[in-house]
Amino acid sequence: MSSNDKKQILKNLIKFNKSLKNIKNEISNLNFDSKFELYIITKNDIKQILNRALKENITFKELEEWANLIECRDDLGFEEEILQEIIFDFANPEINGLITKDKIKTALKELDMIT
């Protein structure tokens, strides 16, 4: 698989461009370990997904699964450290508390504070 193919699969994941089932199938073809970050997640990437959850275009469970697919991938980087913390928070509701609209709104406010 070419580097461009891998980047496209990761972009589909970050942008949540496909169903979770399709994304999981694509991701299963990639190794978790990578020497290089093939995609850098931006605050706008995360804001778009959180807003989709607020508007109920995706469920809170889908948001959790999406964050789980991102968490701990060596081939993904983060524009800011707080983005990685937000992903961890949403990927682990059993540790960090259930996903709620208020929790999403709080995360969006944190993202808005990044310059």
C-alpha atoms as a PDB file:
ATOM      1  CA  MET A   1       0.000   0.000   0.000  1.00  0.00           C
ATOM      2  CA  SER A   2       1.387   3.388  -0.973  1.00  0.00           C
ATOM      3  CA  SER A   3       1.979   6.231   1.442  1.00  0.00           C
ATOM      4  CA  ASN A   4      -0.730   8.237  -0.331  1.00  0.00           C
ATOM      5  CA  ASP A   5      -3.221   5.398   0.163  1.00  0.00           C
ATOM      6  CA  LYS A   6      -2.390   5.314   3.875  1.00  0.00           C
ATOM      7  CA  LYS A   7      -2.778   9.090   4.123  1.00  0.00           C
ATOM      8  CA  GLN A   8      -6.188   8.900   2.439  1.00  0.00           C
ATOM      9  CA  ILE A   9      -7.364   6.188   4.847  1.00  0.00           C
ATOM     10  CA  LEU A  10      -6.225   8.293   7.806  1.00  0.00           C
ATOM     11  CA  LYS A  11      -7.900  11.367   6.328  1.00  0.00           C
ATOM     12  CA  ASN A  12     -11.156   9.407   5.969  1.00  0.00           C
ATOM     13  CA  LEU A  13     -10.850   8.483   9.633  1.00  0.00           C
ATOM     14  CA  ILE A  14     -10.143  12.004  10.872  1.00  0.00           C
ATOM     15  CA  LYS A  15     -12.829  13.590   8.704  1.00  0.00           C
ATOM     16  CA  PHE A  16     -15.260  10.712   9.492  1.00  0.00           C
ATOM     17  CA  ASN A  17     -16.068  10.676   5.747  1.00  0.00           C
ATOM     18  CA  LYS A  18     -17.438   7.135   5.731  1.00  0.00           C
ATOM     19  CA  SER A  19     -19.398   4.839   7.997  1.00  0.00           C
ATOM     20  CA  LEU A  20     -17.529   3.560  11.048  1.00  0.00           C
ATOM     21  CA  LYS A  21     -17.759   0.049   9.624  1.00  0.00           C
ATOM     22  CA  ASN A  22     -15.989   1.117   6.421  1.00  0.00           C
ATOM     23  CA  ILE A  23     -13.431   3.166   8.330  1.00  0.00           C
ATOM     24  CA  LYS A  24     -12.667   0.224  10.643  1.00  0.00           C
ATOM     25  CA  ASN A  25     -12.200  -2.056   7.622  1.00  0.00           C
ATOM     26  CA  GLU A  26      -9.785   0.400   6.010  1.00  0.00           C
ATOM     27  CA  ILE A  27      -7.879   1.039   9.240  1.00  0.00           C
ATOM     28  CA  SER A  28      -7.493  -2.698   9.842  1.00  0.00           C
ATOM     29  CA  ASN A  29      -5.152  -2.770   6.830  1.00  0.00           C
ATOM     30  CA  LEU A  30      -2.769  -0.299   8.502  1.00  0.00           C
ATOM     31  CA  ASN A  31      -0.217  -0.949  11.218  1.00  0.00           C
ATOM     32  CA  PHE A  32      -0.534   1.077  14.427  1.00  0.00           C
ATOM     33  CA  ASP A  33       3.220   1.562  14.575  1.00  0.00           C
ATOM     34  CA  SER A  34       4.786   4.065  12.235  1.00  0.00           C
ATOM     35  CA  LYS A  35       8.085   5.888  12.078  1.00  0.00           C
ATOM     36  CA  PHE A  36       6.336   8.933  10.641  1.00  0.00           C
ATOM     37  CA  GLU A  37       3.188  10.905  11.299  1.00  0.00           C
ATOM     38  CA  LEU A  38       1.262  10.687   8.050  1.00  0.00           C
ATOM     39  CA  TYR A  39      -1.530  13.057   9.079  1.00  0.00           C
ATOM     40  CA  ILE A  40      -1.574  15.927  11.575  1.00  0.00           C
ATOM     41  CA  ILE A  41      -4.917  16.414  13.313  1.00  0.00           C
ATOM     42  CA  THR A  42      -5.938  20.060  13.617  1.00  0.00           C
ATOM     43  CA  LYS A  43      -8.326  21.754  16.003  1.00  0.00           C
ATOM     44  CA  ASN A  44     -10.705  22.302  13.088  1.00  0.00           C
ATOM     45  CA  ASP A  45     -10.737  18.557  12.384  1.00  0.00           C
ATOM     46  CA  ILE A  46     -11.875  17.850  15.928  1.00  0.00           C
ATOM     47  CA  LYS A  47     -14.276  20.806  16.058  1.00  0.00           C
ATOM     48  CA  GLN A  48     -16.066  19.538  12.954  1.00  0.00           C
ATOM     49  CA  ILE A  49     -16.636  16.103  14.476  1.00  0.00           C
ATOM     50  CA  LEU A  50     -17.708  17.491  17.858  1.00  0.00           C
ATOM     51  CA  ASN A  51     -20.175  19.801  16.122  1.00  0.00           C
ATOM     52  CA  ARG A  52     -21.571  16.853  14.177  1.00  0.00           C
ATOM     53  CA  ALA A  53     -22.175  15.074  17.492  1.00  0.00           C
ATOM     54  CA  LEU A  54     -23.839  18.176  18.960  1.00  0.00           C
ATOM     55  CA  LYS A  55     -26.140  18.394  15.932  1.00  0.00           C
ATOM     56  CA  GLU A  56     -26.839  14.651  16.332  1.00  0.00           C
ATOM     57  CA  ASN A  57     -25.420  13.832  12.901  1.00  0.00           C
ATOM     58  CA  ILE A  58     -23.381  11.181  14.716  1.00  0.00           C
ATOM     59  CA  THR A  59     -24.166   9.498  18.029  1.00  0.00           C
ATOM     60  CA  PHE A  60     -22.136   9.844  21.202  1.00  0.00           C
ATOM     61  CA  LYS A  61     -21.237   6.158  20.833  1.00  0.00           C
ATOM     62  CA  GLU A  62     -19.934   6.832  17.306  1.00  0.00           C
ATOM     63  CA  LEU A  63     -17.936   9.773  18.687  1.00  0.00           C
ATOM     64  CA  GLU A  64     -16.405   7.458  21.289  1.00  0.00           C
ATOM     65  CA  GLU A  65     -15.568   4.803  18.675  1.00  0.00           C
ATOM     66  CA  TRP A  66     -14.089   7.441  16.358  1.00  0.00           C
ATOM     67  CA  ALA A  67     -11.863   8.735  19.156  1.00  0.00           C
ATOM     68  CA  ASN A  68     -10.841   5.156  19.998  1.00  0.00           C
ATOM     69  CA  LEU A  69      -9.717   4.583  16.411  1.00  0.00           C
ATOM     70  CA  ILE A  70      -7.501   7.675  16.625  1.00  0.00           C
ATOM     71  CA  GLU A  71      -6.070   7.177  20.094  1.00  0.00           C
ATOM     72  CA  CYS A  72      -2.517   5.771  20.302  1.00  0.00           C
ATOM     73  CA  ARG A  73      -1.876   5.703  16.540  1.00  0.00           C
ATOM     74  CA  ASP A  74       1.767   6.489  15.796  1.00  0.00           C
ATOM     75  CA  ASP A  75       0.905   7.523  12.239  1.00  0.00           C
ATOM     76  CA  LEU A  76      -1.218  10.428  13.490  1.00  0.00           C
ATOM     77  CA  GLY A  77       0.120  13.641  14.956  1.00  0.00           C
ATOM     78  CA  PHE A  78      -1.590  16.513  16.715  1.00  0.00           C
ATOM     79  CA  GLU A  79      -1.315  20.220  15.970  1.00  0.00           C
ATOM     80  CA  GLU A  80      -1.575  20.914  19.722  1.00  0.00           C
ATOM     81  CA  GLU A  81      -1.206  18.645  22.770  1.00  0.00           C
ATOM     82  CA  ILE A  82      -4.702  19.520  23.988  1.00  0.00           C
ATOM     83  CA  LEU A  83      -6.125  17.812  20.898  1.00  0.00           C
ATOM     84  CA  GLN A  84      -4.598  14.524  22.002  1.00  0.00           C
ATOM     85  CA  GLU A  85      -6.071  15.070  25.477  1.00  0.00           C
ATOM     86  CA  ILE A  86      -9.528  15.670  24.005  1.00  0.00           C
ATOM     87  CA  ILE A  87      -9.290  12.490  21.935  1.00  0.00           C
ATOM     88  CA  PHE A  88      -8.253  10.543  25.054  1.00  0.00           C
ATOM     89  CA  ASP A  89     -11.152  12.057  26.984  1.00  0.00           C
ATOM     90  CA  PHE A  90     -13.778  11.046  24.417  1.00  0.00           C
ATOM     91  CA  ALA A  91     -12.204   7.640  23.745  1.00  0.00           C
ATOM     92  CA  ASN A  92     -12.396   6.680  27.421  1.00  0.00           C
ATOM     93  CA  PRO A  93     -15.760   7.648  28.941  1.00  0.00           C
ATOM     94  CA  GLU A  94     -15.422   4.892  31.554  1.00  0.00           C
ATOM     95  CA  ILE A  95     -12.417   6.813  32.939  1.00  0.00           C
ATOM     96  CA  ASN A  96     -13.319  10.406  32.054  1.00  0.00           C
ATOM     97  CA  GLY A  97     -17.102  10.410  32.389  1.00  0.00           C
ATOM     98  CA  LEU A  98     -19.922   9.886  29.949  1.00  0.00           C
ATOM     99  CA  ILE A  99     -20.095  11.876  26.756  1.00  0.00           C
ATOM    100  CA  THR A 100     -22.752  14.562  27.049  1.00  0.00           C
ATOM    101  CA  LYS A 101     -23.646  17.698  25.132  1.00  0.00           C
ATOM    102  CA  ASP A 102     -22.160  19.753  27.976  1.00  0.00           C
ATOM    103  CA  LYS A 103     -18.891  17.825  27.751  1.00  0.00           C
ATOM    104  CA  ILE A 104     -18.754  18.440  24.001  1.00  0.00           C
ATOM    105  CA  LYS A 105     -19.508  22.148  24.481  1.00  0.00           C
ATOM    106  CA  THR A 106     -16.719  22.389  27.071  1.00  0.00           C
ATOM    107  CA  ALA A 107     -14.268  20.763  24.653  1.00  0.00           C
ATOM    108  CA  LEU A 108     -15.329  23.151  21.897  1.00  0.00           C
ATOM    109  CA  LYS A 109     -14.705  26.123  24.216  1.00  0.00           C
ATOM    110  CA  GLU A 110     -11.236  24.747  24.991  1.00  0.00           C
ATOM    111  CA  LEU A 111     -10.558  24.451  21.272  1.00  0.00           C
ATOM    112  CA  ASP A 112     -11.710  28.019  20.671  1.00  0.00           C
ATOM    113  CA  MET A 113      -9.108  29.213  23.174  1.00  0.00           C
ATOM    114  CA  ILE A 114      -6.291  27.823  20.990  1.00  0.00           C
ATOM    115  CA  THR A 115      -4.809  30.559  18.825  1.00  0.00           C
END
